[in-house]
Amino acid sequence: MKNRELSALVSLIDEPDSNMFGSIRQKIFSYGMEAIPILEDAWDITTNDHIQHRIESIIQQIQFNHIFNELAKWKNNPGRDLLKGFILVAKYHYPDLNEKVIINKIGAIIQDVWLELNANLTPLEKVKVLNHIFFDVHGFKGNKKDMNAPSNSFINIIMESKKANPISLSILYMVIAQSLKIPVYGINLPQNFIMAYMGGMINDPGLIELKDVQFYLNAFNNGAVFTKKEIELFLRRINLEYENKYFLPCDNITIIKRVLNNLIFSYENSNKEEKAIEIKKLQTALD
């Protein structure tokens, strides 16, 4: 019954009256993602450019609404799985992205790290293992030639190219580490994104203190280890006042917001203003 109603609505997409078409469009939107296969079939059988353009516009809006709602649900879920949030960002541009493929690829890296770990390793030794598997064996590295490219924010592209910006590399690194109960968490440092190796796994970022941080890591520099002093020097160099938030882990909402901010900058930088505006709208799902 639903499919017949939907097919009937899709058959009216050629409606010349703009008010009537607006009403038809809204009714199709109400079916959400289940409308897409029928819209795609309609696109395939028409040769009218105007109708195809209307169908494409409706499909894009349905997909955008879906990702917006999924991000809002993710934000309101207390777990806020970091990998899930990162995959949702990629689905903005790649709506047919296969999550299982991504999860399996990351799972293979986790397995490789796990095989090299043992209970007697120190935190620095664990990081050495992680760095070797992630950077040397699997070949991930910073995309220093094109750090502002939008592709640096899409996990499916990153898994193929093995190159990314600081925050995306850090997200992958953290997902792998935390899956193995290695307490590595992200720090929202201006003009960079770094990680902290903590004294234990974190349930609530709001309860941690500076004394809980053992050392810091830079994914963009192949997992290099450094101390609090280097962050202080960096803040002085860019004329920023000392604030605890530059030394302590942030929550996953802040991380995904930063990914979206990077995308906005990337699109504005490449004169894709419409996409930048869309990402700004998408970002409001996390407010």
Protein backbone atom coordinates (compact mmCIF):
# COMPACT_ATOMS: atom_id res chain seq x y z
CA MET A 1 0.00 0.00 0.00
CA LYS A 2 2.77 2.41 1.01
CA ASN A 3 4.76 1.67 -2.16
CA ARG A 4 1.70 2.29 -4.36
CA GLU A 5 1.08 5.65 -2.67
CA LEU A 6 4.74 6.59 -3.00
CA SER A 7 4.90 5.52 -6.66
CA ALA A 8 1.79 7.61 -7.34
CA LEU A 9 3.45 10.67 -5.76
CA VAL A 10 6.68 10.12 -7.69
CA SER A 11 4.70 9.90 -10.94
CA LEU A 12 3.51 13.47 -10.27
CA ILE A 13 7.02 14.97 -10.12
CA ASP A 14 6.45 16.54 -13.55
CA GLU A 15 3.69 18.76 -12.05
CA PRO A 16 4.09 22.21 -13.73
CA ASP A 17 2.38 24.22 -10.95
CA SER A 18 5.10 25.18 -8.45
CA ASN A 19 2.76 25.22 -5.43
CA MET A 20 1.37 21.80 -6.28
CA PHE A 21 4.88 20.46 -6.86
CA GLY A 22 5.96 21.86 -3.47
CA SER A 23 3.17 19.90 -1.80
CA ILE A 24 4.08 16.69 -3.68
CA ARG A 25 7.75 17.17 -2.73
CA GLN A 26 6.90 17.51 0.97
CA LYS A 27 4.78 14.35 0.90
CA ILE A 28 7.65 12.43 -0.71
CA PHE A 29 10.01 13.75 2.00
CA SER A 30 7.72 12.24 4.64
CA TYR A 31 8.65 8.74 3.40
CA GLY A 32 12.32 9.36 4.17
CA MET A 33 14.98 6.96 2.91
CA GLU A 34 12.46 4.38 1.69
CA ALA A 35 11.50 6.80 -1.11
CA ILE A 36 14.98 6.71 -2.66
CA PRO A 37 14.80 3.38 -4.59
CA ILE A 38 11.50 4.42 -6.21
CA LEU A 39 12.92 7.87 -7.04
CA GLU A 40 16.02 6.26 -8.57
CA ASP A 41 13.84 3.97 -10.71
CA ALA A 42 11.87 7.03 -11.88
CA TRP A 43 15.13 8.81 -12.75
CA ASP A 44 16.26 5.80 -14.83
CA ILE A 45 13.13 5.66 -16.98
CA THR A 46 12.81 9.37 -17.79
CA THR A 47 14.86 11.23 -20.38
CA ASN A 48 13.53 14.64 -19.32
CA ASP A 49 16.39 16.70 -17.85
CA HIS A 50 14.02 18.89 -15.81
CA ILE A 51 12.37 15.87 -14.15
CA GLN A 52 15.76 14.23 -13.52
CA HIS A 53 16.98 17.44 -11.86
CA ARG A 54 13.88 17.51 -9.62
CA ILE A 55 14.41 13.86 -8.64
CA GLU A 56 18.10 14.45 -7.87
CA SER A 57 17.22 17.46 -5.72
CA ILE A 58 14.63 15.45 -3.75
CA ILE A 59 17.03 12.52 -3.22
CA GLN A 60 19.81 14.85 -2.00
CA GLN A 61 17.44 16.55 0.46
CA ILE A 62 16.16 13.21 1.79
CA GLN A 63 19.74 12.00 2.30
CA PHE A 64 20.72 15.28 4.00
CA ASN A 65 17.70 15.10 6.33
CA HIS A 66 18.58 11.50 7.17
CA ILE A 67 22.19 12.32 8.09
CA PHE A 68 21.04 15.36 10.09
CA ASN A 69 18.62 13.18 12.10
CA GLU A 70 21.22 10.43 12.55
CA LEU A 71 23.78 12.95 13.87
CA ALA A 72 21.18 14.37 16.27
CA LYS A 73 20.41 10.83 17.51
CA TRP A 74 24.14 10.15 17.87
CA LYS A 75 24.56 13.34 19.90
CA ASN A 76 21.69 12.39 22.22
CA ASN A 77 23.00 8.85 22.74
CA PRO A 78 25.10 8.78 25.95
CA GLY A 79 27.59 6.37 24.30
CA ARG A 80 28.40 8.69 21.34
CA ASP A 81 30.67 6.14 19.66
CA LEU A 82 33.44 8.15 17.99
CA LEU A 83 33.77 5.89 14.95
CA LYS A 84 30.00 6.02 14.34
CA GLY A 85 30.06 9.84 14.43
CA PHE A 86 33.00 9.92 12.01
CA ILE A 87 31.24 7.53 9.60
CA LEU A 88 28.13 9.74 9.68
CA VAL A 89 30.22 12.72 8.53
CA ALA A 90 31.43 10.69 5.53
CA LYS A 91 27.87 9.65 4.73
CA TYR A 92 27.05 13.30 4.04
CA HIS A 93 29.11 13.03 0.84
CA TYR A 94 28.94 9.25 0.35
CA PRO A 95 25.39 8.20 1.36
CA ASP A 96 25.89 4.64 0.08
CA LEU A 97 29.04 4.13 2.16
CA ASN A 98 29.22 0.57 3.53
CA GLU A 99 29.88 0.83 7.28
CA LYS A 100 30.79 -2.86 7.59
CA VAL A 101 33.65 -2.48 5.11
CA ILE A 102 35.11 0.39 7.18
CA ILE A 103 34.62 -1.44 10.49
CA ASN A 104 36.24 -4.61 9.12
CA LYS A 105 39.27 -2.69 7.83
CA ILE A 106 39.75 -1.01 11.20
CA GLY A 107 39.16 -4.36 12.91
CA ALA A 108 42.08 -5.84 10.97
CA ILE A 109 44.39 -3.07 12.26
CA ILE A 110 43.13 -3.62 15.83
CA GLN A 111 43.86 -7.33 15.46
CA ASP A 112 47.41 -6.61 14.24
CA VAL A 113 48.08 -4.34 17.25
CA TRP A 114 46.53 -6.84 19.68
CA LEU A 115 48.86 -9.60 18.48
CA GLU A 116 51.88 -7.47 19.43
CA LEU A 117 50.64 -6.41 22.89
CA ASN A 118 51.10 -8.11 26.23
CA ALA A 119 50.18 -7.26 29.81
CA ASN A 120 53.77 -6.41 30.80
CA LEU A 121 54.25 -3.51 28.40
CA THR A 122 54.62 0.04 29.75
CA PRO A 123 52.47 2.87 28.30
CA LEU A 124 55.40 4.03 26.12
CA GLU A 125 55.96 0.47 24.88
CA LYS A 126 52.26 0.16 23.99
CA VAL A 127 52.47 3.40 22.02
CA LYS A 128 55.57 2.11 20.24
CA VAL A 129 53.62 -0.99 19.15
CA LEU A 130 50.61 1.13 18.08
CA ASN A 131 52.81 3.51 16.10
CA HIS A 132 54.63 0.67 14.36
CA ILE A 133 51.42 -1.10 13.25
CA PHE A 134 49.46 2.05 12.36
CA PHE A 135 52.17 4.11 10.65
CA ASP A 136 54.79 1.60 9.50
CA VAL A 137 52.84 -1.60 8.75
CA HIS A 138 49.54 -0.07 7.54
CA GLY A 139 51.17 3.06 6.13
CA PHE A 140 48.98 5.85 7.55
CA LYS A 141 50.53 9.31 7.45
CA GLY A 142 49.75 13.01 7.52
CA ASN A 143 48.57 14.53 4.25
CA LYS A 144 51.09 17.36 4.36
CA LYS A 145 50.76 18.22 0.66
CA ASP A 146 47.00 18.76 0.73
CA MET A 147 45.97 19.13 4.36
CA ASN A 148 42.87 21.23 3.56
CA ALA A 149 41.30 18.82 1.05
CA PRO A 150 37.72 17.71 1.97
CA SER A 151 38.80 14.08 1.44
CA ASN A 152 40.83 14.32 4.67
CA SER A 153 37.53 14.30 6.60
CA PHE A 154 35.96 11.23 4.94
CA ILE A 155 36.89 7.93 6.55
CA ASN A 156 36.23 5.80 3.46
CA ILE A 157 38.71 7.89 1.43
CA ILE A 158 41.24 7.90 4.28
CA MET A 159 41.15 4.10 4.54
CA GLU A 160 42.06 3.92 0.84
CA SER A 161 44.60 6.75 0.58
CA LYS A 162 46.11 6.19 4.09
CA LYS A 163 46.51 9.99 4.31
CA ALA A 164 44.64 12.51 6.45
CA ASN A 165 44.77 15.73 8.46
CA PRO A 166 45.69 15.77 12.19
CA ILE A 167 42.18 15.25 13.59
CA SER A 168 41.18 12.43 11.24
CA LEU A 169 44.43 10.55 11.85
CA SER A 170 43.90 11.05 15.58
CA ILE A 171 40.34 9.72 15.42
CA LEU A 172 41.48 6.49 13.76
CA TYR A 173 44.39 6.18 16.20
CA MET A 174 42.06 6.70 19.19
CA VAL A 175 39.44 4.26 17.92
CA ILE A 176 42.13 1.57 17.62
CA ALA A 177 43.72 2.40 20.98
CA GLN A 178 40.46 2.59 22.94
CA SER A 179 39.23 -0.68 21.40
CA LEU A 180 42.26 -2.30 23.06
CA LYS A 181 41.74 -0.44 26.37
CA ILE A 182 44.74 1.79 25.69
CA PRO A 183 43.65 5.16 27.21
CA VAL A 184 44.40 7.61 24.37
CA TYR A 185 42.04 10.59 24.02
CA GLY A 186 41.81 13.70 21.85
CA ILE A 187 42.66 17.29 22.78
CA ASN A 188 41.07 20.13 20.82
CA LEU A 189 44.20 22.25 20.45
CA PRO A 190 43.87 25.30 18.14
CA GLN A 191 45.64 24.96 14.77
CA ASN A 192 46.37 21.33 15.58
CA PHE A 193 44.77 18.30 17.17
CA ILE A 194 46.73 16.16 19.60
CA MET A 195 46.14 13.23 21.94
CA ALA A 196 46.80 12.46 25.59
CA TYR A 197 47.78 9.12 27.08
CA MET A 198 45.78 8.97 30.31
CA GLY A 199 46.23 7.02 33.54
CA GLY A 200 43.16 4.92 32.72
CA MET A 201 40.06 4.70 30.53
CA ILE A 202 37.73 7.73 30.79
CA ASN A 203 33.99 7.64 31.40
CA ASP A 204 33.45 11.37 31.93
CA PRO A 205 35.91 13.89 30.41
CA GLY A 206 34.54 16.52 32.81
CA LEU A 207 36.04 14.72 35.83
CA ILE A 208 39.65 14.39 34.69
CA GLU A 209 42.57 16.49 35.92
CA LEU A 210 46.01 17.39 34.58
CA LYS A 211 47.64 14.88 36.91
CA ASP A 212 45.78 12.11 35.04
CA VAL A 213 47.74 12.81 31.83
CA GLN A 214 50.89 10.70 31.42
CA PHE A 215 52.15 12.21 28.14
CA TYR A 216 50.98 13.60 24.80
CA LEU A 217 50.98 12.24 21.23
CA ASN A 218 50.96 13.82 17.78
CA ALA A 219 49.35 11.58 15.13
CA PHE A 220 50.34 13.99 12.37
CA ASN A 221 53.98 13.40 13.33
CA ASN A 222 53.80 9.58 13.30
CA GLY A 223 52.65 9.33 16.91
CA ALA A 224 55.56 11.35 18.35
CA VAL A 225 55.52 11.60 22.16
CA PHE A 226 55.93 14.97 23.89
CA THR A 227 55.22 16.77 27.17
CA LYS A 228 53.07 19.58 28.57
CA LYS A 229 55.97 22.03 28.10
CA GLU A 230 55.74 21.72 24.32
CA ILE A 231 52.05 22.67 24.43
CA GLU A 232 52.87 25.71 26.61
CA LEU A 233 55.52 26.81 24.09
CA PHE A 234 53.07 26.32 21.21
CA LEU A 235 50.39 28.43 22.97
CA ARG A 236 52.90 31.23 23.58
CA ARG A 237 53.94 31.10 19.91
CA ILE A 238 50.36 31.58 18.70
CA ASN A 239 49.60 34.16 21.45
CA LEU A 240 46.99 32.16 23.35
CA GLU A 241 46.43 32.29 27.09
CA TYR A 242 46.96 29.12 29.14
CA GLU A 243 43.68 27.22 29.57
CA ASN A 244 43.15 23.71 30.93
CA LYS A 245 41.11 22.71 27.86
CA TYR A 246 44.31 22.83 25.76
CA PHE A 247 45.87 20.13 27.96
CA LEU A 248 42.91 17.87 28.73
CA PRO A 249 40.79 15.52 26.59
CA CYS A 250 37.56 16.81 25.05
CA ASP A 251 34.34 14.87 24.46
CA ASN A 252 33.34 13.16 21.21
CA ILE A 253 30.80 15.85 20.27
CA THR A 254 33.60 18.44 20.28
CA ILE A 255 35.71 16.15 18.07
CA ILE A 256 32.99 15.64 15.44
CA LYS A 257 32.18 19.38 15.50
CA ARG A 258 35.84 20.06 14.76
CA VAL A 259 35.74 17.60 11.84
CA LEU A 260 32.74 19.51 10.46
CA ASN A 261 34.54 22.83 11.00
CA ASN A 262 37.45 21.49 8.94
CA LEU A 263 35.03 20.51 6.19
CA ILE A 264 33.46 23.99 6.19
CA PHE A 265 36.93 25.52 5.84
CA SER A 266 37.84 23.03 3.07
CA TYR A 267 34.73 23.82 1.04
CA GLU A 268 35.07 27.59 1.52
CA ASN A 269 38.72 27.34 0.54
CA SER A 270 37.78 25.58 -2.71
CA ASN A 271 34.88 27.99 -3.49
CA LYS A 272 32.18 25.38 -2.82
CA GLU A 273 30.01 27.77 -0.84
CA GLU A 274 26.80 25.71 -1.16
CA LYS A 275 28.47 22.69 0.43
CA ALA A 276 29.94 24.87 3.20
CA ILE A 277 26.43 26.18 3.97
CA GLU A 278 25.08 22.60 4.05
CA ILE A 279 27.77 21.52 6.52
CA LYS A 280 26.97 24.53 8.73
CA LYS A 281 23.33 23.34 8.77
CA LEU A 282 24.48 19.80 9.54
CA GLN A 283 26.56 21.10 12.42
CA THR A 284 23.43 22.44 14.14
CA ALA A 285 22.38 18.80 14.74
CA LEU A 286 25.13 18.74 17.37
CA ASP A 287 24.07 21.97 19.15
